[in-house]
Amino acid sequence: MARGNGSDCPATRGQLADLELRHRRRARCEDRIRIAKDTGLTNLPLHDFDQNRIWLAILALAVELTAWLQLLAFTDHPARRWEPKRLRLRLFSIAARIADHGRARHLHLPSHAPWAELLNTGIQRLRLIPAPS
């Protein structure tokens, strides 16, 4: 085969772009499956089919909420790309207190927690999002 004239490549430029798009979509799909497995898809903990169906619905909701949290709250931080295990270890395990004061509800995070500032910043960003009308 001749080298350098493009005859050694079985695909044309348009086909390469389509092929690359297909591979990217597949990689995203595989990432979502891996994230779902890390969140709780590896085991179906219940015995009944309908109970496991409810478990899967809750799991899908948790995966979507986590993805939206990362997209909206951590726009300029590497936490946007963290895996579920790292999110659980660093952010979701921070002990906090919920306090009602007047007509407002406040979340008190411990000042000594290493990732409390990041969590507080993320919560503030989420509060700035306007409510749908």
N, C-alpha and C. Protein backbone atom coordinates (compact mmCIF):
# COMPACT_ATOMS: atom_id res chain seq x y z
N MET A 1 0.83 -1.20 0.00
CA MET A 1 0.00 0.00 0.00
C MET A 1 0.87 1.25 0.00
N ALA A 2 0.42 2.22 -0.66
CA ALA A 2 1.16 3.49 -0.71
C ALA A 2 0.88 4.29 0.54
N ARG A 3 1.87 4.94 1.06
CA ARG A 3 1.73 5.75 2.27
C ARG A 3 1.72 7.22 1.89
N GLY A 4 0.94 8.02 2.62
CA GLY A 4 0.98 9.45 2.43
C GLY A 4 -0.07 10.01 1.49
N ASN A 5 -0.72 9.19 0.71
CA ASN A 5 -1.73 9.72 -0.19
C ASN A 5 -3.15 9.44 0.29
N GLY A 6 -3.28 8.85 1.45
CA GLY A 6 -4.61 8.61 2.01
C GLY A 6 -5.23 7.32 1.55
N SER A 7 -4.57 6.56 0.70
CA SER A 7 -5.17 5.33 0.21
C SER A 7 -5.07 4.19 1.22
N ASP A 8 -4.24 4.34 2.27
CA ASP A 8 -4.12 3.29 3.27
C ASP A 8 -5.19 3.38 4.35
N CYS A 9 -5.99 4.43 4.33
CA CYS A 9 -7.07 4.61 5.31
C CYS A 9 -8.38 4.18 4.67
N PRO A 10 -9.09 3.23 5.29
CA PRO A 10 -10.33 2.74 4.67
C PRO A 10 -11.49 3.71 4.76
N ALA A 11 -11.40 4.77 5.55
CA ALA A 11 -12.51 5.70 5.73
C ALA A 11 -12.15 7.07 5.16
N THR A 12 -13.15 7.76 4.66
CA THR A 12 -12.93 9.13 4.18
C THR A 12 -13.08 10.08 5.35
N ARG A 13 -12.84 11.36 5.10
CA ARG A 13 -12.90 12.35 6.18
C ARG A 13 -14.28 12.42 6.82
N GLY A 14 -15.33 12.41 6.05
CA GLY A 14 -16.69 12.46 6.61
C GLY A 14 -16.99 11.23 7.44
N GLN A 15 -16.51 10.08 7.00
CA GLN A 15 -16.72 8.86 7.77
C GLN A 15 -15.93 8.89 9.07
N LEU A 16 -14.75 9.49 9.05
CA LEU A 16 -13.95 9.58 10.27
C LEU A 16 -14.64 10.44 11.32
N ALA A 17 -15.25 11.55 10.90
CA ALA A 17 -15.97 12.40 11.85
C ALA A 17 -17.15 11.66 12.44
N ASP A 18 -17.88 10.90 11.61
CA ASP A 18 -19.00 10.11 12.13
C ASP A 18 -18.52 9.02 13.07
N LEU A 19 -17.41 8.40 12.72
CA LEU A 19 -16.86 7.35 13.56
C LEU A 19 -16.40 7.89 14.91
N GLU A 20 -15.76 9.06 14.90
CA GLU A 20 -15.31 9.68 16.14
C GLU A 20 -16.50 10.05 17.03
N LEU A 21 -17.56 10.60 16.44
CA LEU A 21 -18.76 10.94 17.19
C LEU A 21 -19.39 9.69 17.80
N ARG A 22 -19.42 8.62 17.03
CA ARG A 22 -19.97 7.36 17.54
C ARG A 22 -19.16 6.85 18.74
N HIS A 23 -17.84 6.92 18.65
CA HIS A 23 -16.99 6.47 19.75
C HIS A 23 -17.15 7.35 20.99
N ARG A 24 -17.29 8.66 20.79
CA ARG A 24 -17.49 9.55 21.94
C ARG A 24 -18.81 9.25 22.64
N ARG A 25 -19.86 9.04 21.86
CA ARG A 25 -21.16 8.71 22.47
C ARG A 25 -21.09 7.39 23.23
N ARG A 26 -20.40 6.42 22.67
CA ARG A 26 -20.27 5.13 23.35
C ARG A 26 -19.47 5.29 24.64
N ALA A 27 -18.42 6.10 24.61
CA ALA A 27 -17.61 6.32 25.80
C ALA A 27 -18.44 7.00 26.88
N ARG A 28 -19.28 7.99 26.51
CA ARG A 28 -20.15 8.64 27.48
C ARG A 28 -21.13 7.66 28.08
N CYS A 29 -21.68 6.80 27.25
CA CYS A 29 -22.63 5.79 27.72
C CYS A 29 -21.93 4.84 28.69
N GLU A 30 -20.74 4.40 28.36
CA GLU A 30 -19.99 3.51 29.25
C GLU A 30 -19.63 4.21 30.55
N ASP A 31 -19.33 5.50 30.50
CA ASP A 31 -19.06 6.26 31.73
C ASP A 31 -20.30 6.29 32.62
N ARG A 32 -21.46 6.53 32.03
CA ARG A 32 -22.70 6.56 32.81
C ARG A 32 -23.00 5.20 33.44
N ILE A 33 -22.73 4.13 32.70
CA ILE A 33 -22.94 2.79 33.25
C ILE A 33 -21.99 2.54 34.42
N ARG A 34 -20.72 2.95 34.26
CA ARG A 34 -19.74 2.78 35.35
C ARG A 34 -20.15 3.58 36.58
N ILE A 35 -20.63 4.81 36.36
CA ILE A 35 -21.07 5.65 37.47
C ILE A 35 -22.29 5.03 38.15
N ALA A 36 -23.21 4.48 37.37
CA ALA A 36 -24.39 3.82 37.96
C ALA A 36 -23.97 2.61 38.78
N LYS A 37 -22.99 1.87 38.30
CA LYS A 37 -22.50 0.72 39.07
C LYS A 37 -21.86 1.17 40.37
N ASP A 38 -21.11 2.28 40.32
CA ASP A 38 -20.49 2.79 41.54
C ASP A 38 -21.53 3.33 42.52
N THR A 39 -22.67 3.76 42.00
CA THR A 39 -23.71 4.33 42.86
C THR A 39 -24.57 3.25 43.51
N GLY A 40 -24.69 2.08 42.91
CA GLY A 40 -25.49 1.03 43.54
C GLY A 40 -26.07 0.02 42.59
N LEU A 41 -25.68 0.04 41.33
CA LEU A 41 -26.24 -0.88 40.35
C LEU A 41 -25.58 -2.26 40.39
N THR A 42 -24.46 -2.40 41.08
CA THR A 42 -23.76 -3.68 41.08
C THR A 42 -24.58 -4.78 41.73
N ASN A 43 -25.32 -4.46 42.76
CA ASN A 43 -26.14 -5.45 43.45
C ASN A 43 -27.58 -4.99 43.48
N LEU A 44 -28.48 -5.92 43.25
CA LEU A 44 -29.90 -5.65 43.48
C LEU A 44 -30.19 -6.18 44.87
N PRO A 45 -30.39 -5.32 45.85
CA PRO A 45 -30.40 -5.74 47.25
C PRO A 45 -31.68 -6.42 47.72
N LEU A 46 -32.73 -6.35 46.93
CA LEU A 46 -34.01 -6.86 47.39
C LEU A 46 -34.36 -8.15 46.65
N HIS A 47 -35.36 -8.86 47.17
CA HIS A 47 -35.67 -10.18 46.61
C HIS A 47 -36.77 -10.13 45.56
N ASP A 48 -37.70 -9.23 45.70
CA ASP A 48 -38.84 -9.16 44.81
C ASP A 48 -38.51 -8.31 43.58
N PHE A 49 -39.08 -8.67 42.43
CA PHE A 49 -38.83 -7.95 41.19
C PHE A 49 -39.31 -6.50 41.29
N ASP A 50 -40.50 -6.28 41.82
CA ASP A 50 -41.03 -4.92 41.92
C ASP A 50 -40.20 -4.06 42.88
N GLN A 51 -39.71 -4.66 43.96
CA GLN A 51 -38.86 -3.91 44.90
C GLN A 51 -37.55 -3.50 44.22
N ASN A 52 -36.97 -4.41 43.44
CA ASN A 52 -35.74 -4.08 42.72
C ASN A 52 -36.00 -3.04 41.63
N ARG A 53 -37.19 -3.05 41.04
CA ARG A 53 -37.54 -2.03 40.06
C ARG A 53 -37.60 -0.66 40.72
N ILE A 54 -38.13 -0.59 41.93
CA ILE A 54 -38.14 0.67 42.69
C ILE A 54 -36.70 1.09 43.02
N TRP A 55 -35.87 0.12 43.43
CA TRP A 55 -34.46 0.39 43.71
C TRP A 55 -33.78 1.01 42.48
N LEU A 56 -34.03 0.47 41.30
CA LEU A 56 -33.42 0.99 40.08
C LEU A 56 -33.91 2.39 39.75
N ALA A 57 -35.18 2.67 40.02
CA ALA A 57 -35.70 4.03 39.79
C ALA A 57 -35.03 5.03 40.74
N ILE A 58 -34.86 4.64 41.99
CA ILE A 58 -34.18 5.51 42.96
C ILE A 58 -32.73 5.71 42.56
N LEU A 59 -32.09 4.65 42.10
CA LEU A 59 -30.71 4.73 41.65
C LEU A 59 -30.58 5.66 40.45
N ALA A 60 -31.47 5.56 39.49
CA ALA A 60 -31.43 6.44 38.32
C ALA A 60 -31.62 7.90 38.74
N LEU A 61 -32.51 8.13 39.69
CA LEU A 61 -32.71 9.49 40.20
C LEU A 61 -31.45 10.01 40.88
N ALA A 62 -30.79 9.17 41.68
CA ALA A 62 -29.56 9.58 42.36
C ALA A 62 -28.45 9.90 41.36
N VAL A 63 -28.32 9.10 40.31
CA VAL A 63 -27.29 9.34 39.30
C VAL A 63 -27.56 10.66 38.58
N GLU A 64 -28.82 10.92 38.22
CA GLU A 64 -29.16 12.16 37.54
C GLU A 64 -28.97 13.38 38.43
N LEU A 65 -29.37 13.28 39.69
CA LEU A 65 -29.18 14.40 40.62
C LEU A 65 -27.70 14.70 40.82
N THR A 66 -26.90 13.66 40.92
CA THR A 66 -25.46 13.86 41.09
C THR A 66 -24.86 14.52 39.85
N ALA A 67 -25.28 14.09 38.67
CA ALA A 67 -24.77 14.69 37.43
C ALA A 67 -25.15 16.17 37.34
N TRP A 68 -26.40 16.50 37.68
CA TRP A 68 -26.83 17.90 37.63
C TRP A 68 -26.13 18.72 38.71
N LEU A 69 -25.92 18.13 39.89
CA LEU A 69 -25.18 18.83 40.94
C LEU A 69 -23.79 19.20 40.46
N GLN A 70 -23.11 18.25 39.86
CA GLN A 70 -21.75 18.52 39.39
C GLN A 70 -21.76 19.57 38.27
N LEU A 71 -22.75 19.51 37.40
CA LEU A 71 -22.81 20.44 36.28
C LEU A 71 -23.11 21.86 36.73
N LEU A 72 -24.02 22.02 37.68
CA LEU A 72 -24.48 23.36 38.07
C LEU A 72 -23.71 23.96 39.24
N ALA A 73 -23.29 23.15 40.19
CA ALA A 73 -22.69 23.69 41.41
C ALA A 73 -21.17 23.81 41.35
N PHE A 74 -20.53 22.97 40.59
CA PHE A 74 -19.06 22.95 40.57
C PHE A 74 -18.55 23.26 39.17
N THR A 75 -18.91 24.43 38.66
CA THR A 75 -18.59 24.76 37.28
C THR A 75 -17.10 24.96 37.04
N ASP A 76 -16.38 25.52 37.99
CA ASP A 76 -14.97 25.84 37.77
C ASP A 76 -14.04 25.08 38.71
N HIS A 77 -14.47 23.93 39.19
CA HIS A 77 -13.68 23.13 40.12
C HIS A 77 -13.54 21.71 39.57
N PRO A 78 -12.44 21.05 39.85
CA PRO A 78 -12.30 19.66 39.39
C PRO A 78 -13.36 18.71 39.95
N ALA A 79 -14.09 19.12 40.98
CA ALA A 79 -15.16 18.27 41.53
C ALA A 79 -16.23 17.99 40.49
N ARG A 80 -16.25 18.77 39.44
CA ARG A 80 -17.22 18.54 38.38
C ARG A 80 -17.01 17.19 37.70
N ARG A 81 -15.80 16.67 37.74
CA ARG A 81 -15.47 15.40 37.08
C ARG A 81 -15.22 14.27 38.08
N TRP A 82 -15.45 14.50 39.36
CA TRP A 82 -15.18 13.46 40.35
C TRP A 82 -16.13 12.28 40.17
N GLU A 83 -15.63 11.11 40.46
CA GLU A 83 -16.43 9.88 40.45
C GLU A 83 -17.30 9.84 41.70
N PRO A 84 -18.36 9.02 41.71
CA PRO A 84 -19.26 8.96 42.87
C PRO A 84 -18.56 8.58 44.18
N LYS A 85 -17.57 7.71 44.10
CA LYS A 85 -16.87 7.30 45.32
C LYS A 85 -16.15 8.49 45.96
N ARG A 86 -15.52 9.32 45.15
CA ARG A 86 -14.82 10.49 45.66
C ARG A 86 -15.80 11.53 46.19
N LEU A 87 -16.93 11.70 45.49
CA LEU A 87 -17.96 12.62 45.99
C LEU A 87 -18.48 12.18 47.35
N ARG A 88 -18.75 10.88 47.49
CA ARG A 88 -19.22 10.37 48.78
C ARG A 88 -18.18 10.58 49.88
N LEU A 89 -16.93 10.31 49.56
CA LEU A 89 -15.87 10.41 50.56
C LEU A 89 -15.61 11.85 50.98
N ARG A 90 -15.65 12.78 50.03
CA ARG A 90 -15.26 14.16 50.34
C ARG A 90 -16.42 15.09 50.64
N LEU A 91 -17.54 14.97 49.95
CA LEU A 91 -18.62 15.94 50.10
C LEU A 91 -19.85 15.38 50.80
N PHE A 92 -20.33 14.23 50.35
CA PHE A 92 -21.59 13.71 50.87
C PHE A 92 -21.47 13.18 52.30
N SER A 93 -20.27 12.97 52.80
CA SER A 93 -20.09 12.45 54.15
C SER A 93 -19.84 13.55 55.19
N ILE A 94 -19.88 14.81 54.80
CA ILE A 94 -19.67 15.90 55.75
C ILE A 94 -20.88 16.00 56.66
N ALA A 95 -20.64 15.90 57.95
CA ALA A 95 -21.72 16.02 58.92
C ALA A 95 -22.14 17.48 59.03
N ALA A 96 -23.44 17.70 59.00
CA ALA A 96 -23.95 19.08 59.07
C ALA A 96 -25.20 19.09 59.93
N ARG A 97 -25.56 20.29 60.36
CA ARG A 97 -26.79 20.46 61.15
C ARG A 97 -27.74 21.35 60.37
N ILE A 98 -29.01 20.97 60.40
CA ILE A 98 -30.04 21.80 59.80
C ILE A 98 -30.74 22.52 60.93
N ALA A 99 -30.82 23.84 60.84
CA ALA A 99 -31.43 24.64 61.90
C ALA A 99 -32.53 25.50 61.30
N ASP A 100 -33.68 25.51 61.96
CA ASP A 100 -34.77 26.41 61.58
C ASP A 100 -34.66 27.66 62.43
N HIS A 101 -34.66 28.79 61.77
CA HIS A 101 -34.58 30.06 62.49
C HIS A 101 -35.55 31.02 61.81
N GLY A 102 -36.56 31.40 62.53
CA GLY A 102 -37.59 32.24 61.93
C GLY A 102 -38.33 31.44 60.87
N ARG A 103 -38.35 31.96 59.66
CA ARG A 103 -38.97 31.24 58.56
C ARG A 103 -37.94 30.68 57.59
N ALA A 104 -36.70 30.70 57.99
CA ALA A 104 -35.62 30.23 57.12
C ALA A 104 -34.99 28.97 57.71
N ARG A 105 -34.50 28.15 56.82
CA ARG A 105 -33.79 26.93 57.21
C ARG A 105 -32.32 27.11 56.85
N HIS A 106 -31.44 26.85 57.79
CA HIS A 106 -30.00 27.06 57.59
C HIS A 106 -29.27 25.73 57.72
N LEU A 107 -28.23 25.59 56.92
CA LEU A 107 -27.37 24.42 56.97
C LEU A 107 -26.04 24.86 57.58
N HIS A 108 -25.69 24.26 58.71
CA HIS A 108 -24.44 24.60 59.39
C HIS A 108 -23.42 23.50 59.11
N LEU A 109 -22.36 23.88 58.40
CA LEU A 109 -21.28 22.95 58.09
C LEU A 109 -20.14 23.15 59.08
N PRO A 110 -19.45 22.09 59.47
CA PRO A 110 -18.32 22.26 60.39
C PRO A 110 -17.17 22.99 59.70
N SER A 111 -16.56 23.91 60.40
CA SER A 111 -15.47 24.70 59.81
C SER A 111 -14.20 23.88 59.63
N HIS A 112 -14.05 22.80 60.38
CA HIS A 112 -12.83 22.00 60.30
C HIS A 112 -12.86 20.95 59.19
N ALA A 113 -14.02 20.74 58.55
CA ALA A 113 -14.11 19.76 57.47
C ALA A 113 -13.30 20.26 56.27
N PRO A 114 -12.45 19.41 55.69
CA PRO A 114 -11.55 19.89 54.62
C PRO A 114 -12.27 20.33 53.35
N TRP A 115 -13.42 19.81 53.05
CA TRP A 115 -14.13 20.16 51.82
C TRP A 115 -15.39 20.96 52.08
N ALA A 116 -15.55 21.49 53.28
CA ALA A 116 -16.77 22.23 53.63
C ALA A 116 -16.91 23.52 52.81
N GLU A 117 -15.81 24.18 52.52
CA GLU A 117 -15.87 25.42 51.75
C GLU A 117 -16.36 25.15 50.33
N LEU A 118 -15.89 24.07 49.73
CA LEU A 118 -16.34 23.70 48.39
C LEU A 118 -17.84 23.37 48.40
N LEU A 119 -18.29 22.62 49.39
CA LEU A 119 -19.70 22.29 49.50
C LEU A 119 -20.55 23.54 49.71
N ASN A 120 -20.09 24.43 50.56
CA ASN A 120 -20.81 25.68 50.82
C ASN A 120 -20.90 26.53 49.55
N THR A 121 -19.81 26.62 48.80
CA THR A 121 -19.82 27.36 47.54
C THR A 121 -20.80 26.74 46.55
N GLY A 122 -20.81 25.41 46.46
CA GLY A 122 -21.74 24.73 45.57
C GLY A 122 -23.19 24.98 45.95
N ILE A 123 -23.49 24.95 47.24
CA ILE A 123 -24.85 25.20 47.71
C ILE A 123 -25.25 26.63 47.39
N GLN A 124 -24.34 27.59 47.58
CA GLN A 124 -24.65 28.98 47.25
C GLN A 124 -24.93 29.15 45.76
N ARG A 125 -24.16 28.46 44.92
CA ARG A 125 -24.41 28.54 43.47
C ARG A 125 -25.78 27.97 43.11
N LEU A 126 -26.15 26.89 43.76
CA LEU A 126 -27.46 26.30 43.48
C LEU A 126 -28.59 27.22 43.93
N ARG A 127 -28.38 27.95 45.02
CA ARG A 127 -29.41 28.87 45.49
C ARG A 127 -29.58 30.07 44.56
N LEU A 128 -28.56 30.40 43.80
CA LEU A 128 -28.65 31.53 42.87
C LEU A 128 -29.43 31.22 41.61
N ILE A 129 -29.67 29.93 41.36
CA ILE A 129 -30.43 29.55 40.16
C ILE A 129 -31.89 29.95 40.36
N PRO A 130 -32.45 30.70 39.42
CA PRO A 130 -33.85 31.13 39.60
C PRO A 130 -34.80 29.94 39.50
N ALA A 131 -35.87 30.02 40.28
CA ALA A 131 -36.90 28.97 40.26
C ALA A 131 -37.64 29.03 38.94
N PRO A 132 -38.03 27.85 38.42
CA PRO A 132 -38.79 27.87 37.16
C PRO A 132 -40.14 28.54 37.35
N SER A 133 -40.56 29.24 36.34
CA SER A 133 -41.83 29.96 36.47
C SER A 133 -42.96 29.22 35.79
